[in-house]
Amino acid sequence: MDDAALLRTAAERLTALAARSTAGDWRVGGLLASRPEVVAHRPDGGSEHVAEARAASAGWIAGLSPAVAVPLADLLRAAADRPEPGEPALRLARLLLERLGGDHQATPGS
């Protein structure tokens, strides 16, 4: 498989996995027993505890385990060397910073 096909295959598998996972905007809430509660907030206003939807969420959790962090960070660092407005890496960085609680506001000259 050539590099372009590898990248496209990974992208397709990631989006297919997301489609099979518990839908919604996952957020950490209070505590469920002694563990943080993760709730999927759906666009229709409904919600579902991700723990109750483990079968649908397990692949997503395993697929995006902490093992993915270093290569993903490397990808973002590589994109930082040649940023272009509207590129997918910038959209990803903004979304990650929003989700992870970082400051995602653009600064002049960045």
N, C-alpha and C. Protein backbone atom coordinates (compact mmCIF):
# COMPACT_ATOMS: atom_id res chain seq x y z
N MET A 1 0.86 -1.18 0.00
CA MET A 1 0.00 0.00 0.00
C MET A 1 0.90 1.24 0.00
N ASP A 2 0.64 2.16 -0.93
CA ASP A 2 1.46 3.38 -0.96
C ASP A 2 1.03 4.33 0.16
N ASP A 3 1.82 5.37 0.36
CA ASP A 3 1.57 6.28 1.48
C ASP A 3 0.22 6.98 1.40
N ALA A 4 -0.18 7.41 0.20
CA ALA A 4 -1.46 8.09 0.06
C ALA A 4 -2.60 7.14 0.40
N ALA A 5 -2.51 5.91 -0.04
CA ALA A 5 -3.55 4.92 0.26
C ALA A 5 -3.58 4.62 1.75
N LEU A 6 -2.42 4.57 2.37
CA LEU A 6 -2.34 4.34 3.82
C LEU A 6 -3.07 5.45 4.57
N LEU A 7 -2.80 6.69 4.20
CA LEU A 7 -3.45 7.84 4.86
C LEU A 7 -4.96 7.81 4.64
N ARG A 8 -5.39 7.53 3.44
CA ARG A 8 -6.83 7.49 3.15
C ARG A 8 -7.52 6.34 3.89
N THR A 9 -6.86 5.19 3.96
CA THR A 9 -7.43 4.04 4.66
C THR A 9 -7.58 4.34 6.15
N ALA A 10 -6.57 4.96 6.75
CA ALA A 10 -6.66 5.32 8.17
C ALA A 10 -7.79 6.31 8.40
N ALA A 11 -7.94 7.28 7.51
CA ALA A 11 -9.02 8.27 7.64
C ALA A 11 -10.39 7.60 7.53
N GLU A 12 -10.53 6.69 6.58
CA GLU A 12 -11.81 5.99 6.41
C GLU A 12 -12.14 5.13 7.62
N ARG A 13 -11.16 4.43 8.14
CA ARG A 13 -11.41 3.58 9.32
C ARG A 13 -11.77 4.41 10.53
N LEU A 14 -11.13 5.57 10.68
CA LEU A 14 -11.44 6.44 11.81
C LEU A 14 -12.87 6.96 11.71
N THR A 15 -13.29 7.42 10.54
CA THR A 15 -14.65 7.93 10.41
C THR A 15 -15.68 6.82 10.52
N ALA A 16 -15.37 5.63 10.04
CA ALA A 16 -16.29 4.49 10.18
C ALA A 16 -16.43 4.10 11.65
N LEU A 17 -15.33 4.12 12.38
CA LEU A 17 -15.37 3.80 13.80
C LEU A 17 -16.21 4.83 14.55
N ALA A 18 -16.04 6.10 14.21
CA ALA A 18 -16.83 7.15 14.86
C ALA A 18 -18.32 6.94 14.59
N ALA A 19 -18.65 6.52 13.38
CA ALA A 19 -20.06 6.31 13.04
C ALA A 19 -20.68 5.15 13.83
N ARG A 20 -19.86 4.18 14.22
CA ARG A 20 -20.36 3.03 14.99
C ARG A 20 -20.35 3.29 16.49
N SER A 21 -19.70 4.35 16.92
CA SER A 21 -19.56 4.64 18.34
C SER A 21 -20.76 5.41 18.87
N THR A 22 -20.84 5.54 20.17
CA THR A 22 -21.91 6.32 20.79
C THR A 22 -21.85 7.74 20.27
N ALA A 23 -22.93 8.19 19.67
CA ALA A 23 -22.96 9.52 19.05
C ALA A 23 -23.02 10.62 20.09
N GLY A 24 -22.60 11.80 19.69
CA GLY A 24 -22.73 12.97 20.54
C GLY A 24 -21.41 13.59 20.93
N ASP A 25 -21.53 14.67 21.65
CA ASP A 25 -20.39 15.42 22.16
C ASP A 25 -20.07 14.88 23.55
N TRP A 26 -19.02 14.09 23.66
CA TRP A 26 -18.68 13.46 24.94
C TRP A 26 -18.07 14.49 25.87
N ARG A 27 -18.60 14.54 27.09
CA ARG A 27 -18.07 15.45 28.11
C ARG A 27 -17.97 14.73 29.44
N VAL A 28 -16.98 15.12 30.22
CA VAL A 28 -16.82 14.58 31.57
C VAL A 28 -17.74 15.35 32.49
N GLY A 29 -18.52 14.62 33.27
CA GLY A 29 -19.45 15.25 34.21
C GLY A 29 -19.02 14.99 35.63
N GLY A 30 -19.97 14.63 36.45
CA GLY A 30 -19.71 14.35 37.86
C GLY A 30 -19.05 12.99 38.03
N LEU A 31 -19.31 12.37 39.12
CA LEU A 31 -18.73 11.06 39.39
C LEU A 31 -19.78 9.98 39.32
N LEU A 32 -19.46 8.90 38.68
CA LEU A 32 -20.29 7.72 38.63
C LEU A 32 -19.56 6.71 39.51
N ALA A 33 -20.10 6.45 40.69
CA ALA A 33 -19.39 5.69 41.73
C ALA A 33 -18.14 6.49 42.06
N SER A 34 -16.96 5.93 41.86
CA SER A 34 -15.73 6.67 42.17
C SER A 34 -14.99 7.07 40.90
N ARG A 35 -15.65 6.95 39.75
CA ARG A 35 -15.02 7.27 38.47
C ARG A 35 -15.70 8.47 37.83
N PRO A 36 -14.98 9.22 37.00
CA PRO A 36 -15.62 10.32 36.29
C PRO A 36 -16.73 9.77 35.39
N GLU A 37 -17.75 10.55 35.23
CA GLU A 37 -18.89 10.18 34.41
C GLU A 37 -18.69 10.82 33.03
N VAL A 38 -18.76 10.01 31.97
CA VAL A 38 -18.65 10.53 30.62
C VAL A 38 -20.03 10.41 29.97
N VAL A 39 -20.54 11.55 29.51
CA VAL A 39 -21.88 11.59 28.94
C VAL A 39 -21.80 12.10 27.51
N ALA A 40 -22.48 11.40 26.61
CA ALA A 40 -22.58 11.83 25.22
C ALA A 40 -23.82 12.71 25.10
N HIS A 41 -23.62 13.96 24.72
CA HIS A 41 -24.72 14.92 24.53
C HIS A 41 -25.05 14.96 23.04
N ARG A 42 -26.25 14.54 22.67
CA ARG A 42 -26.65 14.46 21.27
C ARG A 42 -27.24 15.78 20.79
N PRO A 43 -27.15 16.04 19.49
CA PRO A 43 -27.70 17.28 18.93
C PRO A 43 -29.19 17.45 19.19
N ASP A 44 -29.93 16.34 19.37
CA ASP A 44 -31.37 16.44 19.61
C ASP A 44 -31.70 16.80 21.06
N GLY A 45 -30.69 17.03 21.87
CA GLY A 45 -30.89 17.39 23.27
C GLY A 45 -30.84 16.21 24.22
N GLY A 46 -30.86 14.99 23.68
CA GLY A 46 -30.77 13.80 24.52
C GLY A 46 -29.34 13.57 24.97
N SER A 47 -29.18 12.64 25.88
CA SER A 47 -27.85 12.29 26.35
C SER A 47 -27.81 10.81 26.69
N GLU A 48 -26.60 10.28 26.74
CA GLU A 48 -26.42 8.88 27.07
C GLU A 48 -25.10 8.73 27.79
N HIS A 49 -25.11 8.00 28.88
CA HIS A 49 -23.87 7.74 29.59
C HIS A 49 -23.04 6.81 28.73
N VAL A 50 -21.80 7.19 28.45
CA VAL A 50 -20.95 6.38 27.60
C VAL A 50 -20.71 5.01 28.24
N ALA A 51 -20.65 4.95 29.57
CA ALA A 51 -20.46 3.67 30.26
C ALA A 51 -21.61 2.71 29.95
N GLU A 52 -22.81 3.24 29.77
CA GLU A 52 -23.97 2.40 29.45
C GLU A 52 -23.95 1.96 28.00
N ALA A 53 -23.12 2.58 27.20
CA ALA A 53 -23.05 2.27 25.77
C ALA A 53 -21.69 1.66 25.44
N ARG A 54 -21.11 0.97 26.40
CA ARG A 54 -19.76 0.45 26.24
C ARG A 54 -19.55 -0.32 24.94
N ALA A 55 -20.50 -1.14 24.55
CA ALA A 55 -20.33 -1.94 23.33
C ALA A 55 -20.10 -1.03 22.12
N ALA A 56 -20.82 0.07 22.06
CA ALA A 56 -20.67 0.99 20.94
C ALA A 56 -19.42 1.85 21.07
N SER A 57 -18.93 2.07 22.28
CA SER A 57 -17.83 2.98 22.53
C SER A 57 -16.48 2.30 22.67
N ALA A 58 -16.46 1.01 22.93
CA ALA A 58 -15.21 0.32 23.22
C ALA A 58 -14.18 0.45 22.10
N GLY A 59 -14.60 0.28 20.86
CA GLY A 59 -13.66 0.41 19.75
C GLY A 59 -13.06 1.78 19.63
N TRP A 60 -13.90 2.79 19.89
CA TRP A 60 -13.42 4.18 19.84
C TRP A 60 -12.38 4.42 20.93
N ILE A 61 -12.68 3.98 22.13
CA ILE A 61 -11.77 4.19 23.25
C ILE A 61 -10.44 3.48 23.00
N ALA A 62 -10.49 2.24 22.53
CA ALA A 62 -9.26 1.49 22.25
C ALA A 62 -8.51 2.08 21.06
N GLY A 63 -9.26 2.48 20.03
CA GLY A 63 -8.63 3.03 18.83
C GLY A 63 -7.92 4.35 19.07
N LEU A 64 -8.45 5.13 19.99
CA LEU A 64 -7.84 6.43 20.29
C LEU A 64 -7.23 6.44 21.68
N SER A 65 -6.60 5.34 22.02
CA SER A 65 -5.92 5.23 23.32
C SER A 65 -4.75 6.21 23.38
N PRO A 66 -4.14 6.38 24.55
CA PRO A 66 -2.98 7.28 24.66
C PRO A 66 -1.84 6.94 23.70
N ALA A 67 -1.81 5.73 23.17
CA ALA A 67 -0.77 5.36 22.21
C ALA A 67 -0.84 6.21 20.94
N VAL A 68 -1.99 6.80 20.67
CA VAL A 68 -2.18 7.61 19.46
C VAL A 68 -1.64 9.03 19.67
N ALA A 69 -1.45 9.46 20.89
CA ALA A 69 -1.11 10.85 21.19
C ALA A 69 0.20 11.31 20.56
N VAL A 70 1.26 10.54 20.68
CA VAL A 70 2.56 10.98 20.16
C VAL A 70 2.54 11.11 18.64
N PRO A 71 2.05 10.10 17.89
CA PRO A 71 2.01 10.30 16.43
C PRO A 71 1.08 11.44 16.01
N LEU A 72 -0.02 11.62 16.73
CA LEU A 72 -0.94 12.72 16.41
C LEU A 72 -0.25 14.06 16.69
N ALA A 73 0.44 14.17 17.80
CA ALA A 73 1.18 15.39 18.12
C ALA A 73 2.28 15.64 17.07
N ASP A 74 2.93 14.58 16.62
CA ASP A 74 3.95 14.72 15.57
C ASP A 74 3.33 15.28 14.29
N LEU A 75 2.14 14.79 13.94
CA LEU A 75 1.44 15.27 12.76
C LEU A 75 1.13 16.77 12.89
N LEU A 76 0.67 17.19 14.05
CA LEU A 76 0.37 18.61 14.28
C LEU A 76 1.65 19.45 14.23
N ARG A 77 2.72 18.94 14.81
CA ARG A 77 4.00 19.68 14.77
C ARG A 77 4.50 19.82 13.33
N ALA A 78 4.35 18.77 12.53
CA ALA A 78 4.77 18.83 11.13
C ALA A 78 3.94 19.86 10.38
N ALA A 79 2.65 19.92 10.65
CA ALA A 79 1.78 20.90 9.99
C ALA A 79 2.13 22.32 10.43
N ALA A 80 2.65 22.46 11.65
CA ALA A 80 3.00 23.80 12.16
C ALA A 80 4.15 24.40 11.35
N ASP A 81 4.95 23.56 10.70
CA ASP A 81 6.07 24.06 9.89
C ASP A 81 5.60 24.68 8.58
N ARG A 82 4.37 24.39 8.18
CA ARG A 82 3.83 24.90 6.93
C ARG A 82 2.31 25.14 7.03
N PRO A 83 1.88 25.93 8.02
CA PRO A 83 0.44 26.12 8.20
C PRO A 83 -0.19 26.90 7.05
N GLU A 84 -1.38 26.45 6.66
CA GLU A 84 -2.16 27.15 5.64
C GLU A 84 -3.57 27.32 6.19
N PRO A 85 -4.16 28.51 6.01
CA PRO A 85 -5.52 28.74 6.52
C PRO A 85 -6.49 27.67 6.02
N GLY A 86 -7.33 27.19 6.92
CA GLY A 86 -8.36 26.23 6.56
C GLY A 86 -7.90 24.79 6.43
N GLU A 87 -6.61 24.53 6.63
CA GLU A 87 -6.15 23.15 6.48
C GLU A 87 -6.68 22.27 7.61
N PRO A 88 -6.86 21.00 7.34
CA PRO A 88 -7.42 20.08 8.33
C PRO A 88 -6.64 20.04 9.65
N ALA A 89 -5.33 20.17 9.60
CA ALA A 89 -4.55 20.13 10.84
C ALA A 89 -4.90 21.31 11.75
N LEU A 90 -5.18 22.46 11.17
CA LEU A 90 -5.58 23.62 11.98
C LEU A 90 -6.96 23.40 12.60
N ARG A 91 -7.88 22.82 11.82
CA ARG A 91 -9.21 22.51 12.37
C ARG A 91 -9.07 21.51 13.52
N LEU A 92 -8.23 20.52 13.33
CA LEU A 92 -8.01 19.53 14.38
C LEU A 92 -7.41 20.17 15.62
N ALA A 93 -6.41 21.02 15.44
CA ALA A 93 -5.76 21.68 16.58
C ALA A 93 -6.76 22.54 17.36
N ARG A 94 -7.58 23.29 16.64
CA ARG A 94 -8.58 24.13 17.32
C ARG A 94 -9.57 23.28 18.11
N LEU A 95 -10.03 22.21 17.51
CA LEU A 95 -10.98 21.32 18.19
C LEU A 95 -10.33 20.65 19.39
N LEU A 96 -9.11 20.17 19.23
CA LEU A 96 -8.42 19.55 20.37
C LEU A 96 -8.24 20.53 21.52
N LEU A 97 -7.82 21.74 21.21
CA LEU A 97 -7.62 22.73 22.28
C LEU A 97 -8.94 23.07 22.96
N GLU A 98 -10.01 23.15 22.20
CA GLU A 98 -11.33 23.39 22.78
C GLU A 98 -11.71 22.23 23.71
N ARG A 99 -11.54 21.00 23.21
CA ARG A 99 -11.92 19.81 23.98
C ARG A 99 -11.02 19.59 25.19
N LEU A 100 -9.75 19.94 25.05
CA LEU A 100 -8.79 19.70 26.13
C LEU A 100 -8.65 20.88 27.08
N GLY A 101 -9.38 21.95 26.80
CA GLY A 101 -9.39 23.08 27.72
C GLY A 101 -8.27 24.08 27.50
N GLY A 102 -7.58 24.00 26.38
CA GLY A 102 -6.50 24.95 26.11
C GLY A 102 -7.01 26.19 25.42
N ASP A 103 -6.17 27.18 25.31
CA ASP A 103 -6.52 28.44 24.64
C ASP A 103 -6.33 28.23 23.15
N HIS A 104 -7.40 28.31 22.39
CA HIS A 104 -7.32 28.09 20.95
C HIS A 104 -7.53 29.37 20.15
N GLN A 105 -7.45 30.50 20.82
CA GLN A 105 -7.62 31.75 20.12
C GLN A 105 -6.37 32.04 19.31
N ALA A 106 -6.57 32.44 18.07
CA ALA A 106 -5.42 32.78 17.22
C ALA A 106 -4.79 34.06 17.75
N THR A 107 -3.50 34.09 17.75
CA THR A 107 -2.78 35.29 18.15
C THR A 107 -2.22 35.95 16.90
N PRO A 108 -2.05 37.26 16.93
CA PRO A 108 -1.51 37.93 15.74
C PRO A 108 -0.19 37.29 15.34
N GLY A 109 -0.04 37.06 14.03
CA GLY A 109 1.18 36.49 13.52
C GLY A 109 1.25 34.99 13.62
N SER A 110 0.17 34.35 14.10
CA SER A 110 0.21 32.88 14.20
C SER A 110 -0.66 32.23 13.17
